Amino acid sequence: MSLTRLKSVGDGKRAESFGKFEVQNLLDLLTHYPRRWIDRTKEATIASAIEGADSLVIGEVKSVTAPPKGARRGPSRVTATIADESGRLSIVFFNQPWRERQLKVGSFVAVFGRLGSFNGTKQMANPTVDILGDPDERPRPIIAVYPQSEKIDLPSWLVLKAIDETLTRCRARGIHDPVSVAMRKKYKLMDRQSALMGIHVPETFAEKEMARRRLAFDELLRVQLVLVMRKRAIERDSVGIQHKTNGQLVSRFYQHLPYQLTGAQHRVIAEIESDLAGPHPMHRLLQGDVGAGKTIVAVAAMLTAVQGGHQGAIMAPTEVLAEQHAVGIRQLLQGLVIPDADSLFGEREVRVELLTSSVTAERRRDVLAGLADGRVDIAIGTHALIQETVVFHSLGVVVIDEQHRFGVEQRAALRAKGEGAGAVPDVLVMTATPIPRTAAMTVYGDLDVSVLDEKPPGRTPIVTRSAQGEDQVEEVWADVRAEAAAGRQVYVVCPLIEESEKLEVASAEETIER
């Protein structure tokens, strides 16, 4: 049902204002949630508000004044006076000229800010202001406040009035609930109609929280359904390469390793091999802490593609990480050969090349030629891999490292490099960020998830600690000095580069002096 059929909206300027917030129909309106709620039970009168403390005051606008345009230079100043039964309050706004248009004499507003005084008069400077309408028409203990914009004339009270009218209509007809009664009981959720009423017109903050919890459940459910539909569409419409190999190249790779694979690596590699042999392209998330052996798993997947006559590619977010991958993977594959009819001895080593913006023009031309004719088996790079000039002979497996650093379009662009032959490359995305299983299912619902939960023997365990208090912080810096004195490196990450007058946090400039 269109929003224009509501008496409180109509088809004029109000409907146009709602449209600027992308609210076109009743469903849009009911899901246009408040940004915050005013607790009327903690409201202070102007007389009882304490100077120097943050206060919430509700009153009627009695006057609004602003200097004429061009009257003087410097910051603009809008002054208004509001009043309740106990007295008057002056509110002043600096560099907010639009407040003159927002504040209408006779309207009721809620102002929140720190109470001060000027020339013996109570005053608030630059308070938060919400237009409420006439409080006597809505004597509610909690008032919802909706998103507003200085460019859109849509006061919060008008939004709530339209929502009131919509909820009144819905009470008679009811609102369909997509979640079954059994599911609601299992997760202790209120029904959808009660949730929408509880988020917009709650009687208590406990009711508002129950409503928020139910509506958050709906959002997550919607995300899951979209991801499942996306995954089904990929399985239905995409044709995979179906890597069919005897596994000899991967087996010889394992024999080259100076250590045994962990049980977790064997398990994850088996999951990936099953995906690679399947009719649909792989879309798998590999999660594992630093040192858990994700690179070995990724190399095994790419070698499966290489043995079948295809290529592998790893895209890293930074040149430093790409270079580290190139050095490490070249060492792992040193001496590993594959058949090559054009070679004098009928075989050659697996060729690994680095492609970043720092590669020289001559070297870049050689790498691009090798990718195009298939002489480069594994490419490692940054965003340079997805440039139009990069053409793969037959891209079979795509590995995205630290995948959260890339956008959807960037990941899709690299995968598209291998779709020329009609088959979609298999995709493995890796992350060292610990992700709880439930969160992984929510955020990466279109991906199968594998976890490396075991580290190779002999790896130094990673110790994570929180330092609280000056004594503990000093212990950390003592450890830092000891590591630096031993010739090792230390990384210190600061929230700011320069010191801030507003934020009491360490800056890089301050920290380096230690």
Protein backbone atom coordinates (compact mmCIF):
# COMPACT_ATOMS: atom_id res chain seq x y z
CA MET A 1 0.00 0.00 0.00
CA SER A 2 1.35 3.39 -1.00
CA LEU A 3 2.28 5.89 1.67
CA THR A 4 0.18 8.56 -0.05
CA ARG A 5 -3.02 6.83 1.13
CA LEU A 6 -2.25 7.77 4.73
CA LYS A 7 -4.15 10.83 5.95
CA SER A 8 -1.07 12.05 7.78
CA VAL A 9 1.01 11.98 4.57
CA GLY A 10 -1.05 12.54 1.42
CA ASP A 11 0.49 12.95 -2.01
CA GLY A 12 2.14 16.33 -1.54
CA LYS A 13 5.40 17.53 -0.03
CA ARG A 14 5.22 15.13 2.90
CA ALA A 15 5.22 12.12 0.58
CA GLU A 16 8.14 13.67 -1.28
CA SER A 17 10.07 14.10 1.98
CA PHE A 18 9.44 10.47 2.94
CA GLY A 19 10.61 9.44 -0.53
CA LYS A 20 13.97 11.11 0.05
CA PHE A 21 14.43 8.65 2.94
CA GLU A 22 13.45 5.83 0.52
CA VAL A 23 10.14 5.34 2.32
CA GLN A 24 7.55 4.66 -0.39
CA ASN A 25 5.03 2.26 1.17
CA LEU A 26 3.77 1.04 4.53
CA LEU A 27 6.40 -1.70 4.81
CA ASP A 28 9.15 0.86 4.20
CA LEU A 29 7.60 3.03 6.90
CA LEU A 30 7.34 0.27 9.51
CA THR A 31 10.96 -0.71 8.88
CA HIS A 32 12.13 2.92 9.13
CA TYR A 33 13.36 2.36 12.67
CA PRO A 34 14.05 5.02 15.31
CA ARG A 35 17.65 6.11 15.82
CA ARG A 36 17.09 6.61 19.54
CA TRP A 37 14.41 6.90 22.22
CA ILE A 38 13.68 9.67 24.72
CA ASP A 39 12.90 8.50 28.23
CA ARG A 40 10.20 10.89 29.43
CA THR A 41 10.42 9.39 32.91
CA LYS A 42 13.86 11.02 33.28
CA GLU A 43 12.74 14.36 31.92
CA ALA A 44 13.69 17.43 33.96
CA THR A 45 11.76 20.66 34.18
CA ILE A 46 13.64 23.80 33.30
CA ALA A 47 13.56 24.86 36.94
CA SER A 48 14.86 21.52 38.27
CA ALA A 49 17.63 21.05 35.67
CA ILE A 50 21.05 21.20 37.35
CA GLU A 51 23.68 23.57 36.01
CA GLY A 52 26.78 21.75 34.75
CA ALA A 53 24.91 18.47 34.20
CA ASP A 54 23.47 16.93 31.03
CA SER A 55 19.70 17.38 31.06
CA LEU A 56 16.68 16.45 28.95
CA VAL A 57 14.11 19.23 28.82
CA ILE A 58 10.87 19.35 26.83
CA GLY A 59 9.17 22.64 26.12
CA GLU A 60 7.43 24.93 23.67
CA VAL A 61 9.41 27.16 21.33
CA LYS A 62 8.59 30.76 22.23
CA SER A 63 11.00 32.66 20.00
CA VAL A 64 13.71 32.17 17.40
CA THR A 65 16.18 34.87 16.39
CA ALA A 66 19.07 35.01 13.97
CA PRO A 67 21.14 37.93 12.67
CA PRO A 68 20.26 39.11 9.16
CA LYS A 69 22.28 37.57 6.37
CA GLY A 70 25.46 39.52 5.75
CA ALA A 71 25.05 41.42 9.01
CA ARG A 72 28.50 40.47 10.23
CA ARG A 73 31.33 38.10 9.59
CA GLY A 74 32.29 35.19 11.79
CA PRO A 75 30.31 32.18 12.97
CA SER A 76 26.54 32.30 12.53
CA ARG A 77 24.40 32.28 15.66
CA VAL A 78 20.79 31.18 16.09
CA THR A 79 19.14 31.74 19.47
CA ALA A 80 15.80 30.30 20.61
CA THR A 81 13.81 30.37 23.81
CA ILE A 82 11.76 27.42 25.03
CA ALA A 83 9.47 27.29 28.03
CA ASP A 84 7.63 24.82 30.22
CA GLU A 85 5.41 25.37 33.24
CA SER A 86 8.46 25.98 35.46
CA GLY A 87 10.39 28.56 33.49
CA ARG A 88 12.33 29.50 30.36
CA LEU A 89 15.54 28.22 28.77
CA SER A 90 17.73 29.86 26.15
CA ILE A 91 19.31 27.59 23.54
CA VAL A 92 22.00 28.86 21.18
CA PHE A 93 23.46 27.26 18.05
CA PHE A 94 26.74 28.24 16.40
CA ASN A 95 27.34 27.60 12.68
CA GLN A 96 23.96 25.90 12.32
CA PRO A 97 21.91 28.47 10.38
CA TRP A 98 19.37 25.82 9.36
CA ARG A 99 18.14 25.73 12.96
CA GLU A 100 16.19 28.92 12.19
CA ARG A 101 14.09 26.93 9.70
CA GLN A 102 13.84 23.86 11.94
CA LEU A 103 12.55 25.59 15.07
CA LYS A 104 9.01 26.88 14.63
CA VAL A 105 7.39 29.08 17.26
CA GLY A 106 4.63 27.09 18.96
CA SER A 107 6.17 23.67 18.28
CA PHE A 108 7.29 21.37 21.08
CA VAL A 109 10.88 20.17 21.21
CA ALA A 110 13.06 17.92 23.31
CA VAL A 111 16.51 19.36 23.91
CA PHE A 112 19.39 17.45 25.43
CA GLY A 113 22.66 19.03 26.45
CA ARG A 114 24.78 20.44 29.24
CA LEU A 115 23.04 23.19 31.16
CA GLY A 116 24.95 26.42 31.68
CA SER A 117 24.12 30.05 32.21
CA PHE A 118 24.74 33.32 30.41
CA ASN A 119 24.05 36.71 31.98
CA GLY A 120 22.06 34.99 34.70
CA THR A 121 19.85 33.06 32.24
CA LYS A 122 19.84 29.27 31.93
CA GLN A 123 21.29 28.29 28.58
CA MET A 124 22.32 25.28 26.49
CA ALA A 125 24.84 25.63 23.66
CA ASN A 126 24.49 23.39 20.59
CA PRO A 127 22.14 20.87 22.25
CA THR A 128 20.58 17.89 20.48
CA VAL A 129 17.10 18.88 19.33
CA ASP A 130 14.14 16.67 18.39
CA ILE A 131 10.85 18.12 17.13
CA LEU A 132 8.04 16.37 19.01
CA GLY A 133 4.77 18.06 18.07
CA ASP A 134 2.31 18.59 20.93
CA PRO A 135 3.25 16.30 23.86
CA ASP A 136 -0.33 16.47 25.18
CA GLU A 137 -1.47 14.57 22.10
CA ARG A 138 0.96 11.72 22.82
CA PRO A 139 1.48 11.32 26.56
CA ARG A 140 3.89 8.41 26.21
CA PRO A 141 6.66 7.47 28.65
CA ILE A 142 9.06 6.76 25.76
CA ILE A 143 9.21 8.78 22.56
CA ALA A 144 10.86 7.37 19.43
CA VAL A 145 13.17 9.74 17.55
CA TYR A 146 13.73 9.06 13.84
CA PRO A 147 16.64 9.84 11.49
CA GLN A 148 16.52 13.44 10.32
CA SER A 149 18.41 15.60 7.87
CA GLU A 150 18.87 19.34 7.67
CA LYS A 151 18.11 19.04 3.93
CA ILE A 152 14.85 17.10 4.32
CA ASP A 153 11.82 18.60 6.06
CA LEU A 154 10.61 15.49 7.89
CA PRO A 155 10.35 16.06 11.65
CA SER A 156 10.35 13.07 13.96
CA TRP A 157 6.82 13.72 15.22
CA LEU A 158 5.45 13.52 11.66
CA VAL A 159 7.13 10.14 11.11
CA LEU A 160 5.64 8.85 14.35
CA LYS A 161 2.21 10.19 13.42
CA ALA A 162 2.32 8.28 10.12
CA ILE A 163 3.51 5.15 11.93
CA ASP A 164 0.68 5.49 14.46
CA GLU A 165 -1.83 5.56 11.62
CA THR A 166 -0.18 2.56 9.96
CA LEU A 167 -0.12 0.51 13.16
CA THR A 168 -3.81 1.29 13.74
CA ARG A 169 -4.60 -0.11 10.30
CA CYS A 170 -2.44 -3.16 10.96
CA ARG A 171 -4.06 -4.00 14.30
CA ALA A 172 -7.31 -4.85 12.55
CA ARG A 173 -5.78 -6.86 9.71
CA GLY A 174 -2.72 -8.24 11.47
CA ILE A 175 0.86 -8.42 10.19
CA HIS A 176 2.07 -11.68 8.67
CA ASP A 177 4.85 -13.35 10.64
CA PRO A 178 7.33 -15.38 8.53
CA VAL A 179 8.72 -17.08 11.66
CA SER A 180 6.71 -20.04 12.92
CA VAL A 181 5.28 -20.24 16.43
CA ALA A 182 7.59 -23.17 17.22
CA MET A 183 10.65 -21.18 16.09
CA ARG A 184 9.58 -18.16 18.12
CA LYS A 185 9.21 -20.30 21.22
CA LYS A 186 12.58 -21.95 20.64
CA TYR A 187 14.43 -18.63 20.44
CA LYS A 188 12.14 -16.75 22.85
CA LEU A 189 11.04 -14.19 20.28
CA MET A 190 7.95 -11.99 20.30
CA ASP A 191 5.71 -12.02 17.22
CA ARG A 192 6.49 -9.57 14.41
CA GLN A 193 3.47 -7.32 14.96
CA SER A 194 4.31 -6.88 18.65
CA ALA A 195 7.94 -6.23 17.70
CA LEU A 196 7.01 -3.44 15.29
CA MET A 197 4.80 -1.83 17.91
CA GLY A 198 7.48 -2.32 20.56
CA ILE A 199 10.18 -0.63 18.48
CA HIS A 200 8.04 2.38 17.51
CA VAL A 201 5.73 2.91 20.52
CA PRO A 202 7.23 0.98 23.46
CA GLU A 203 5.73 1.27 26.91
CA THR A 204 9.01 0.26 28.57
CA PHE A 205 12.66 -0.02 27.56
CA ALA A 206 12.46 -3.76 28.27
CA GLU A 207 9.75 -4.03 25.60
CA LYS A 208 11.90 -1.99 23.22
CA GLU A 209 14.85 -4.35 23.74
CA MET A 210 12.67 -7.42 23.12
CA ALA A 211 11.41 -5.80 19.92
CA ARG A 212 14.94 -4.91 18.82
CA ARG A 213 16.06 -8.50 19.41
CA ARG A 214 13.22 -9.89 17.27
CA LEU A 215 13.79 -7.43 14.43
CA ALA A 216 17.54 -8.14 14.51
CA PHE A 217 16.67 -11.83 14.14
CA ASP A 218 14.60 -10.95 11.07
CA GLU A 219 17.51 -9.03 9.54
CA LEU A 220 19.90 -11.94 10.05
CA LEU A 221 17.33 -14.38 8.70
CA ARG A 222 16.92 -12.24 5.61
CA VAL A 223 20.69 -12.14 5.06
CA GLN A 224 20.89 -15.91 5.42
CA LEU A 225 18.10 -16.49 2.92
CA VAL A 226 19.75 -14.17 0.38
CA LEU A 227 23.10 -15.93 0.79
CA VAL A 228 21.53 -19.38 0.45
CA MET A 229 19.69 -18.25 -2.69
CA ARG A 230 22.95 -16.86 -4.06
CA LYS A 231 24.75 -20.12 -3.35
CA ARG A 232 21.96 -22.15 -4.98
CA ALA A 233 22.08 -19.86 -8.03
CA ILE A 234 25.83 -20.40 -8.36
CA GLU A 235 25.37 -24.15 -8.12
CA ARG A 236 22.53 -24.06 -10.63
CA ASP A 237 23.98 -21.69 -13.20
CA SER A 238 27.77 -22.10 -12.92
CA VAL A 239 29.80 -24.91 -14.44
CA GLY A 240 32.92 -25.94 -12.55
CA ILE A 241 36.18 -27.22 -14.01
CA GLN A 242 35.94 -30.62 -12.26
CA HIS A 243 39.66 -31.21 -11.74
CA LYS A 244 40.37 -34.87 -12.49
CA THR A 245 43.94 -35.79 -11.52
CA ASN A 246 45.73 -38.73 -9.96
CA GLY A 247 47.16 -36.47 -7.27
CA GLN A 248 50.79 -37.31 -8.08
CA LEU A 249 51.95 -33.69 -8.20
CA VAL A 250 50.41 -32.90 -4.82
CA SER A 251 51.87 -36.12 -3.36
CA ARG A 252 55.36 -35.18 -4.55
CA PHE A 253 54.84 -31.73 -3.05
CA TYR A 254 54.08 -33.30 0.34
CA GLN A 255 57.25 -35.40 0.06
CA HIS A 256 59.29 -32.22 -0.45
CA LEU A 257 58.05 -30.73 2.82
CA PRO A 258 60.46 -30.88 5.78
CA TYR A 259 57.57 -31.66 8.14
CA GLN A 260 54.38 -33.68 8.32
CA LEU A 261 50.98 -32.13 7.73
CA THR A 262 48.72 -31.77 10.73
CA GLY A 263 45.47 -33.63 11.06
CA ALA A 264 43.59 -30.38 10.50
CA GLN A 265 45.47 -29.76 7.24
CA HIS A 266 44.70 -33.29 6.01
CA ARG A 267 41.02 -32.78 6.86
CA VAL A 268 40.76 -29.40 5.13
CA ILE A 269 42.69 -30.54 2.05
CA ALA A 270 40.29 -33.49 1.71
CA GLU A 271 37.34 -31.07 1.84
CA ILE A 272 38.93 -28.91 -0.85
CA GLU A 273 39.80 -31.89 -3.07
CA SER A 274 36.17 -32.97 -2.91
CA ASP A 275 35.10 -29.49 -4.00
CA LEU A 276 37.62 -29.38 -6.85
CA ALA A 277 36.41 -32.69 -8.24
CA GLY A 278 32.75 -31.64 -8.09
CA PRO A 279 30.62 -30.28 -10.95
CA HIS A 280 30.13 -26.86 -9.32
CA PRO A 281 32.85 -24.27 -8.66
CA MET A 282 34.27 -24.23 -5.14
CA HIS A 283 33.46 -21.27 -2.88
CA ARG A 284 35.18 -22.02 0.41
CA LEU A 285 36.40 -19.93 3.34
CA LEU A 286 39.59 -21.15 5.03
CA GLN A 287 40.02 -19.82 8.54
CA GLY A 288 43.17 -20.37 10.56
CA ASP A 289 45.43 -18.49 12.92
CA VAL A 290 48.85 -17.23 11.83
CA GLY A 291 51.15 -20.25 11.61
CA ALA A 292 48.33 -22.77 11.21
CA GLY A 293 49.47 -23.70 7.69
CA LYS A 294 46.94 -22.01 5.41
CA THR A 295 49.55 -21.41 2.70
CA ILE A 296 50.31 -25.15 2.40
CA VAL A 297 46.61 -25.85 1.91
CA ALA A 298 46.32 -23.11 -0.73
CA VAL A 299 49.38 -24.39 -2.62
CA ALA A 300 47.98 -27.93 -2.62
CA ALA A 301 44.75 -26.62 -4.15
CA MET A 302 46.61 -24.69 -6.85
CA LEU A 303 48.86 -27.67 -7.67
CA THR A 304 45.74 -29.75 -8.30
CA ALA A 305 44.80 -27.19 -10.94
CA VAL A 306 48.34 -27.08 -12.35
CA GLN A 307 48.49 -30.87 -12.80
CA GLY A 308 45.29 -30.65 -14.82
CA GLY A 309 46.78 -28.05 -17.17
CA HIS A 310 45.31 -25.01 -15.45
CA GLN A 311 46.77 -22.12 -13.46
CA GLY A 312 46.50 -20.83 -9.91
CA ALA A 313 46.49 -17.27 -8.59
CA ILE A 314 46.84 -15.70 -5.16
CA MET A 315 45.69 -12.12 -4.59
CA ALA A 316 47.03 -10.42 -1.45
CA PRO A 317 45.99 -6.99 -0.12
CA THR A 318 49.51 -5.50 0.02
CA GLU A 319 52.72 -5.76 -1.98
CA VAL A 320 54.63 -6.79 1.14
CA LEU A 321 52.32 -9.74 1.73
CA ALA A 322 52.38 -10.68 -1.95
CA GLU A 323 56.19 -10.65 -1.95
CA GLN A 324 56.26 -12.80 1.20
CA HIS A 325 53.95 -15.30 -0.46
CA ALA A 326 56.13 -15.36 -3.58
CA VAL A 327 59.33 -16.03 -1.63
CA GLY A 328 57.73 -18.66 0.58
CA ILE A 329 55.92 -20.53 -2.19
CA ARG A 330 58.99 -20.57 -4.46
CA GLN A 331 60.94 -22.20 -1.63
CA LEU A 332 58.17 -24.75 -1.07
CA LEU A 333 58.02 -25.67 -4.77
CA GLN A 334 61.76 -25.64 -5.47
CA GLY A 335 62.68 -28.71 -7.51
CA LEU A 336 59.05 -29.73 -8.14
CA VAL A 337 58.64 -30.48 -11.86
CA ILE A 338 55.70 -30.96 -14.22
CA PRO A 339 55.52 -32.43 -17.75
CA ASP A 340 56.28 -29.99 -20.60
CA ALA A 341 56.40 -31.21 -24.19
CA ASP A 342 58.21 -28.06 -25.32
CA SER A 343 61.06 -28.56 -22.86
CA LEU A 344 64.28 -30.29 -23.89
CA PHE A 345 63.89 -32.94 -21.20
CA GLY A 346 60.10 -33.11 -21.37
CA GLU A 347 59.59 -31.46 -18.01
CA ARG A 348 60.17 -28.18 -16.18
CA GLU A 349 59.87 -26.73 -12.71
CA VAL A 350 56.58 -25.23 -11.59
CA ARG A 351 56.85 -21.54 -12.48
CA VAL A 352 55.76 -19.01 -9.86
CA GLU A 353 55.67 -15.31 -10.76
CA LEU A 354 55.00 -12.11 -8.83
CA LEU A 355 52.86 -9.38 -10.36
CA THR A 356 52.55 -6.07 -8.51
CA SER A 357 52.78 -2.40 -9.44
CA SER A 358 56.47 -2.44 -8.44
CA VAL A 359 57.46 -5.00 -11.08
CA THR A 360 59.57 -3.45 -13.87
CA ALA A 361 57.96 -2.94 -17.27
CA GLU A 362 60.20 -5.54 -18.94
CA ARG A 363 59.52 -8.10 -16.24
CA ARG A 364 55.82 -7.34 -16.36
CA ARG A 365 55.68 -8.01 -20.12
CA ASP A 366 57.37 -11.37 -19.60
CA VAL A 367 54.97 -12.36 -16.80
CA LEU A 368 51.90 -11.28 -18.79
CA ALA A 369 53.09 -13.31 -21.78
CA GLY A 370 53.62 -16.34 -19.54
CA LEU A 371 50.15 -16.02 -18.03
CA ALA A 372 48.57 -15.75 -21.47
CA ASP A 373 50.32 -18.78 -22.99
CA GLY A 374 50.26 -20.93 -19.85
CA ARG A 375 53.99 -20.97 -19.10
CA VAL A 376 53.31 -19.30 -15.72
CA ASP A 377 51.64 -21.83 -13.45
CA ILE A 378 51.03 -19.76 -10.32
CA ALA A 379 50.65 -15.98 -10.22
CA ILE A 380 50.95 -14.06 -6.97
CA GLY A 381 50.03 -10.40 -6.79
CA THR A 382 47.88 -7.56 -5.58
CA HIS A 383 45.15 -5.61 -7.37
CA ALA A 384 47.48 -5.73 -10.38
CA LEU A 385 46.12 -9.22 -11.10
CA ILE A 386 42.67 -7.87 -11.97
CA GLN A 387 43.79 -5.24 -14.47
CA GLU A 388 42.39 -5.57 -17.99
CA THR A 389 45.83 -6.28 -19.45
CA VAL A 390 46.15 -9.47 -17.37
CA VAL A 391 44.92 -12.50 -19.32
CA PHE A 392 45.21 -16.07 -18.05
CA HIS A 393 45.56 -19.06 -20.34
CA SER A 394 43.35 -21.21 -18.09
CA LEU A 395 42.79 -19.98 -14.55
CA GLY A 396 41.66 -22.91 -12.43
CA VAL A 397 41.97 -21.94 -8.75
CA VAL A 398 41.75 -18.46 -7.23
CA VAL A 399 43.03 -17.84 -3.70
CA ILE A 400 42.11 -14.58 -1.93
CA ASP A 401 44.26 -13.88 1.13
CA GLU A 402 42.87 -11.74 3.96
CA GLN A 403 39.66 -11.60 1.94
CA HIS A 404 37.99 -8.95 4.14
CA ARG A 405 40.45 -6.40 2.69
CA PHE A 406 38.90 -6.78 -0.79
CA GLY A 407 35.52 -5.68 -2.08
CA VAL A 408 33.03 -8.02 -3.72
CA GLU A 409 33.78 -6.51 -7.14
CA GLN A 410 37.53 -7.12 -6.77
CA ARG A 411 37.07 -10.76 -5.83
CA ALA A 412 34.62 -11.28 -8.67
CA ALA A 413 36.98 -9.58 -11.13
CA LEU A 414 39.77 -12.08 -10.44
CA ARG A 415 37.38 -15.02 -10.65
CA ALA A 416 36.09 -13.68 -13.98
CA LYS A 417 39.63 -13.96 -15.41
CA GLY A 418 39.04 -17.69 -15.76
CA GLU A 419 35.53 -17.71 -17.17
CA GLY A 420 36.55 -17.30 -20.79
CA ALA A 421 36.39 -21.04 -21.48
CA GLY A 422 32.90 -21.31 -20.00
CA ALA A 423 33.94 -22.87 -16.68
CA VAL A 424 34.14 -20.86 -13.47
CA PRO A 425 37.38 -21.12 -11.45
CA ASP A 426 37.31 -22.54 -7.95
CA VAL A 427 37.68 -19.91 -5.22
CA LEU A 428 39.36 -20.28 -1.83
CA VAL A 429 39.30 -17.25 0.47
CA MET A 430 41.59 -17.21 3.51
CA THR A 431 41.55 -15.26 6.74
CA ALA A 432 43.49 -15.29 10.00
CA THR A 433 40.73 -13.37 11.75
CA PRO A 434 39.02 -15.62 14.31
CA ILE A 435 35.37 -15.91 13.33
CA PRO A 436 32.88 -17.74 15.57
CA ARG A 437 31.03 -20.45 13.70
CA THR A 438 27.67 -18.71 14.00
CA ALA A 439 29.13 -15.44 12.73
CA ALA A 440 30.85 -17.23 9.84
CA MET A 441 27.54 -18.81 8.85
CA THR A 442 25.89 -15.39 8.95
CA VAL A 443 28.49 -13.30 7.14
CA TYR A 444 29.78 -15.97 4.76
CA GLY A 445 26.61 -17.99 4.29
CA ASP A 446 27.35 -18.37 0.57
CA LEU A 447 30.69 -20.04 1.37
CA ASP A 448 31.53 -23.42 2.81
CA VAL A 449 33.75 -22.99 5.86
CA SER A 450 36.91 -24.93 6.74
CA VAL A 451 38.87 -24.31 9.94
CA LEU A 452 42.53 -25.07 10.68
CA ASP A 453 42.28 -25.54 14.43
CA GLU A 454 45.67 -27.24 14.88
CA LYS A 455 49.20 -25.92 14.43
CA PRO A 456 52.22 -27.83 13.15
CA PRO A 457 54.47 -29.14 15.94
CA GLY A 458 57.32 -26.87 16.98
CA ARG A 459 55.51 -23.63 16.17
CA THR A 460 55.86 -21.02 18.90
CA PRO A 461 52.43 -20.43 20.42
CA ILE A 462 50.94 -16.96 20.08
CA VAL A 463 50.26 -15.33 23.44
CA THR A 464 47.57 -12.64 23.61
CA ARG A 465 47.39 -10.48 26.72
CA SER A 466 45.63 -7.34 27.84
CA ALA A 467 47.64 -4.78 29.81
CA GLN A 468 45.62 -2.68 32.23
CA GLY A 469 47.03 -0.08 34.54
CA GLU A 470 50.35 1.76 34.37
CA ASP A 471 52.35 -1.09 35.94
CA GLN A 472 51.21 -3.66 33.38
CA VAL A 473 51.72 -1.22 30.51
CA GLU A 474 55.27 -0.59 31.70
CA GLU A 475 55.87 -4.37 31.71
CA VAL A 476 54.83 -4.46 28.06
CA TRP A 477 57.30 -1.72 27.18
CA ALA A 478 60.02 -3.56 29.09
CA ASP A 479 59.32 -6.61 26.89
CA VAL A 480 59.43 -4.38 23.80
CA ARG A 481 62.84 -2.97 24.75
CA ALA A 482 64.16 -6.48 25.45
CA GLU A 483 63.02 -7.81 22.06
CA ALA A 484 64.49 -4.80 20.24
CA ALA A 485 67.79 -5.20 22.12
CA ALA A 486 67.92 -8.83 20.98
CA GLY A 487 67.73 -7.71 17.35
CA ARG A 488 64.10 -8.62 16.79
CA GLN A 489 61.30 -6.37 15.55
CA VAL A 490 58.22 -5.05 17.29
CA TYR A 491 55.04 -3.68 15.74
CA VAL A 492 53.07 -1.07 17.67
CA VAL A 493 49.68 -0.04 16.29
CA CYS A 494 48.24 3.29 17.49
CA PRO A 495 44.73 4.66 16.92
CA LEU A 496 46.05 8.12 15.98
CA ILE A 497 49.08 9.55 14.20
CA GLU A 498 49.08 12.92 15.93
CA GLU A 499 47.88 13.83 19.42
CA SER A 500 44.25 14.88 19.77
CA GLU A 501 42.71 17.34 22.20
CA LYS A 502 39.39 15.47 22.06
CA LEU A 503 40.52 11.84 22.37
CA GLU A 504 42.59 10.55 25.27
CA VAL A 505 44.38 7.81 23.35
CA ALA A 506 48.01 7.22 22.44
CA SER A 507 49.25 8.67 19.16
CA ALA A 508 52.08 7.33 17.01
CA GLU A 509 54.10 10.53 17.53
CA GLU A 510 53.75 10.23 21.31
CA THR A 511 54.47 6.49 21.36
CA ILE A 512 57.65 6.70 19.29
CA GLU A 513 59.17 8.96 21.95
CA ARG A 514 59.00 6.11 24.45
